[in-house]
Protein backbone atom coordinates (compact mmCIF):
# COMPACT_ATOMS: atom_id res chain seq x y z
CA HIS A 1 6.07 -6.94 -0.91
CA LEU A 2 6.93 -9.92 1.33
CA SER A 3 3.43 -10.23 2.72
CA MET A 4 2.33 -13.81 3.37
CA ALA A 5 -1.02 -15.60 3.23
CA ASP A 6 -1.48 -19.03 4.78
CA GLY A 7 2.27 -19.60 4.69
CA VAL A 8 2.61 -18.65 1.01
CA MET A 9 4.41 -15.50 -0.07
CA VAL A 10 2.29 -13.10 -2.09
CA GLY A 11 3.20 -13.41 -5.73
CA GLY A 12 3.08 -17.18 -5.38
CA ILE A 13 -0.71 -17.34 -4.94
CA GLY A 14 -2.86 -18.10 -7.98
CA ASP A 15 -1.75 -17.91 -11.59
CA ALA A 16 0.14 -14.63 -11.31
CA GLY A 17 1.16 -11.90 -8.91
CA CYS A 18 1.49 -8.20 -9.70
CA PHE A 19 3.87 -5.84 -7.93
CA SER A 20 4.25 -2.08 -8.11
CA PHE A 21 7.70 -0.54 -7.75
CA TYR A 22 6.40 3.02 -7.63
CA PRO A 23 8.92 5.15 -5.67
CA SER A 24 6.81 5.30 -2.51
CA LYS A 25 6.34 1.51 -2.29
CA ASN A 26 8.27 -0.77 0.07
CA LEU A 27 10.56 -1.68 -2.82
CA GLY A 28 10.54 1.41 -5.00
CA ALA A 29 12.39 2.49 -8.12
CA CYS A 30 13.09 6.14 -8.98
CA GLY A 31 10.24 6.20 -11.52
CA ASP A 32 7.41 4.00 -12.73
CA ALA A 33 8.17 0.28 -12.62
CA GLY A 34 6.54 -3.02 -11.73
CA CYS A 35 6.61 -6.74 -12.39
CA ILE A 36 4.45 -9.82 -12.79
CA THR A 37 5.39 -13.16 -11.23
CA THR A 38 4.15 -16.50 -12.54
CA ASN A 39 5.27 -20.11 -12.95
CA ASP A 40 3.15 -20.50 -16.09
CA ASP A 41 5.43 -20.31 -19.15
CA GLU A 42 2.59 -19.53 -21.54
CA LEU A 43 1.30 -16.71 -19.37
CA ALA A 44 4.83 -15.37 -18.95
CA ASP A 45 5.30 -15.28 -22.72
CA ALA A 46 2.00 -13.43 -23.12
CA CYS A 47 3.05 -10.86 -20.51
CA ARG A 48 6.40 -10.34 -22.21
CA SER A 49 4.59 -9.80 -25.49
CA LEU A 50 2.07 -7.35 -24.04
CA ARG A 51 4.79 -5.23 -22.41
CA HIS A 52 6.58 -4.98 -25.79
CA SER A 53 3.75 -3.70 -28.00
CA GLY A 54 2.37 -7.22 -28.47
CA ARG A 55 5.43 -8.43 -30.35
CA ALA A 56 5.57 -12.12 -31.22
CA LYS A 57 8.11 -14.29 -29.42
CA ASP A 58 11.44 -14.41 -31.29
CA LYS A 59 10.01 -12.40 -34.22
CA ALA A 60 11.23 -8.83 -34.33
CA TYR A 61 8.55 -7.30 -36.56
CA GLU A 62 5.49 -9.47 -36.00
CA TYR A 63 2.79 -8.62 -33.47
CA ASP A 64 0.37 -11.26 -32.23
CA LEU A 65 -1.36 -9.09 -29.62
CA GLU A 66 -2.46 -5.51 -29.11
CA GLY A 67 0.06 -4.55 -26.48
CA SER A 68 1.70 -1.39 -25.21
CA THR A 69 5.14 -0.07 -24.29
CA LEU A 70 5.47 -1.27 -20.70
CA ARG A 71 9.12 -2.30 -20.49
CA MET A 72 11.06 -1.42 -17.36
CA ASP A 73 14.07 0.69 -18.31
CA GLU A 74 17.57 -0.30 -17.22
CA VAL A 75 17.96 2.56 -14.73
CA GLN A 76 14.91 1.39 -12.77
CA ALA A 77 16.09 -2.22 -12.91
CA ALA A 78 19.58 -1.28 -11.69
CA ILE A 79 18.19 0.66 -8.72
CA LEU A 80 15.85 -2.17 -7.79
CA ARG A 81 18.69 -4.73 -7.91
CA VAL A 82 20.65 -2.65 -5.41
CA LYS A 83 17.65 -2.21 -3.09
CA LEU A 84 16.22 -5.74 -3.28
CA PRO A 85 18.73 -7.36 -0.85
CA HIS A 86 17.61 -4.87 1.83
CA LEU A 87 13.87 -5.53 1.44
CA ALA A 88 13.63 -8.23 4.13
CA ASP A 89 15.30 -5.99 6.74
CA TRP A 90 13.18 -3.00 5.75
CA THR A 91 10.03 -5.10 6.01
CA GLU A 92 11.00 -6.33 9.46
CA GLN A 93 11.51 -2.73 10.57
CA ARG A 94 8.05 -1.83 9.28
CA ARG A 95 6.56 -4.72 11.26
CA LYS A 96 8.34 -3.54 14.40
CA ALA A 97 6.96 -0.05 13.86
CA ALA A 98 3.46 -1.48 13.42
CA ALA A 99 3.83 -3.31 16.74
CA TRP A 100 4.93 -0.06 18.42
CA TYR A 101 1.86 1.69 17.01
CA ALA A 102 -0.45 -1.09 18.19
CA GLU A 103 0.95 -0.78 21.71
CA GLY A 104 1.09 3.02 21.73
CA LEU A 105 -2.46 3.47 20.46
CA SER A 106 -3.95 0.93 22.84
CA GLY A 107 -6.98 2.49 24.51
CA VAL A 108 -7.18 5.36 22.01
CA PRO A 109 -10.58 5.49 20.26
CA VAL A 110 -9.27 4.66 16.78
CA MET A 111 -9.51 1.46 14.77
CA LEU A 112 -6.14 -0.19 14.07
CA PRO A 113 -5.18 -2.56 11.24
CA PRO A 114 -6.36 -6.10 12.09
CA THR A 115 -3.88 -8.53 13.58
CA PRO A 116 -3.30 -11.30 11.02
CA PRO A 117 -3.80 -14.94 12.08
CA ALA A 118 -0.96 -17.47 12.21
CA GLY A 119 0.65 -18.00 8.83
CA TYR A 120 -0.22 -14.51 7.62
CA GLU A 121 2.11 -11.50 7.57
CA GLN A 122 1.57 -7.90 6.56
CA SER A 123 4.30 -5.75 5.06
CA PHE A 124 2.79 -2.38 6.07
CA TYR A 125 3.26 -0.29 2.95
CA VAL A 126 1.20 2.20 4.94
CA TYR A 127 -0.14 2.14 8.49
CA THR A 128 -3.77 3.16 8.24
CA ILE A 129 -6.08 3.80 11.14
CA ARG A 130 -9.76 4.68 11.12
CA ALA A 131 -10.52 7.73 13.19
CA GLU A 132 -13.60 9.74 14.03
CA LYS A 133 -13.10 13.45 13.34
CA ARG A 134 -10.42 12.39 10.87
CA ASP A 135 -9.99 15.79 9.23
CA GLU A 136 -9.65 17.55 12.58
CA LEU A 137 -7.12 14.95 13.73
CA GLN A 138 -5.11 15.37 10.53
CA ALA A 139 -5.01 19.14 11.03
CA TYR A 140 -3.98 18.64 14.68
CA LEU A 141 -1.11 16.39 13.62
CA LYS A 142 0.01 18.82 10.91
CA GLU A 143 0.11 21.71 13.39
CA ARG A 144 2.55 19.64 15.44
CA GLY A 145 4.79 18.73 12.51
CA ILE A 146 3.46 15.20 11.98
CA GLY A 147 2.59 14.19 8.44
CA SER A 148 -0.34 11.99 7.46
CA ALA A 149 -2.29 11.15 4.32
CA VAL A 150 -5.69 9.90 3.20
CA TYR A 151 -5.61 6.87 0.87
CA TYR A 152 -8.15 7.26 -0.71
CA PRO A 153 -10.81 9.93 -0.13
CA VAL A 154 -13.16 9.00 -3.00
CA PRO A 155 -14.68 5.48 -3.14
CA LEU A 156 -14.63 3.72 -6.52
CA TYR A 157 -18.39 3.93 -7.02
CA LYS A 158 -18.14 7.74 -6.86
CA GLN A 159 -15.45 7.96 -9.52
CA PRO A 160 -16.54 9.55 -12.84
CA ALA A 161 -15.38 6.43 -14.71
CA TYR A 162 -18.21 4.45 -13.10
CA LYS A 163 -20.91 7.10 -13.32
CA HIS A 164 -22.62 5.15 -16.10
CA LEU A 165 -23.31 2.30 -13.65
CA ASN A 166 -25.64 4.53 -11.60
CA LEU A 167 -24.36 3.10 -8.32
CA ASN A 168 -26.14 4.24 -5.19
CA PRO A 169 -23.86 5.31 -2.30
CA GLU A 170 -26.51 4.08 0.14
CA ASP A 171 -25.70 0.55 -1.00
CA TYR A 172 -22.13 0.95 0.33
CA PRO A 173 -22.52 2.32 3.88
CA GLU A 174 -19.26 0.87 5.18
CA ALA A 175 -17.25 2.28 2.29
CA GLU A 176 -18.91 5.66 2.85
CA LYS A 177 -17.90 5.58 6.51
CA ALA A 178 -14.37 4.34 5.81
CA ALA A 179 -13.75 7.09 3.25
CA LYS A 180 -14.43 9.66 5.98
CA GLU A 181 -12.27 7.92 8.61
CA VAL A 182 -9.13 6.40 7.05
CA LEU A 183 -5.86 8.13 7.88
CA SER A 184 -2.36 6.84 7.21
CA ILE A 185 0.22 7.88 9.78
CA PRO A 186 4.03 7.85 9.38
CA MET A 187 5.44 4.47 8.33
CA PHE A 188 8.90 3.86 6.88
CA PRO A 189 11.75 1.48 7.77
CA GLU A 190 13.86 4.13 9.49
CA ILE A 191 11.16 5.39 11.84
CA THR A 192 12.28 5.10 15.47
CA GLU A 193 10.39 3.90 18.50
CA GLU A 194 10.60 7.43 19.92
CA GLN A 195 9.07 8.91 16.77
CA VAL A 196 6.23 6.38 16.84
CA ALA A 197 5.66 7.19 20.51
CA ARG A 198 5.36 10.89 19.69
CA VAL A 199 2.77 10.20 16.99
CA CYS A 200 0.80 8.00 19.40
CA GLU A 201 0.99 10.55 22.22
CA THR A 202 -0.22 13.29 19.89
CA ILE A 203 -3.19 11.24 18.68
CA ARG A 204 -4.04 10.34 22.27
CA ALA A 205 -3.82 14.00 23.29
CA PHE A 206 -6.22 14.97 20.49
CA TYR A 207 -8.92 12.64 21.73
CA GLU A 208 -8.32 13.42 25.40
CA GLN A 209 -8.63 17.12 24.61
CA ASP A 210 -11.79 16.44 22.62
CA ALA A 211 -13.28 14.47 25.51
CA THR A 212 -12.85 17.38 27.92
CA VAL A 213 -14.61 19.91 25.69
């Protein structure tokens, strides 16, 4: 949410934009929710139909499409309306935290998220680094009361749903490597500079300790 590409806000690129409002997202409801943005009236009508079992426009008991029940309930909508005015401030706080991480992890042997060029902005739903000895680092952080998560440990080509494609992991060496290295460290609007510094110092200490062994 509120990311930007070449000066255009995401959701305004292409024919349509899709947003998740899952509770953990930057703008989250208290349950499952999401939305589609578009300036195409025909596409908007089709989306409205699909979310409502494929029901025809302005016809209560006629169904033009094979849809599903995907309507956002009023409780989710009410919560999102209250939270939406705060999204810009929350996003700015996430960007500040990302800058603190970039400074604090300077010189540490981990790969940081790339710095976007002019006209591009990230919203930092998560802050993901790539780290050698990822599992050991994660355990080290946990022992010191610092949470982290792996999004996602299994590449798509290894998922059972794609087994029939007979994909060879050797054809995806970078994905194989990334799946063993990605680690998301604490990121939320309320995180303080001191908390970020502690995370950075702990990661630095892990690698300094490892270098002396």
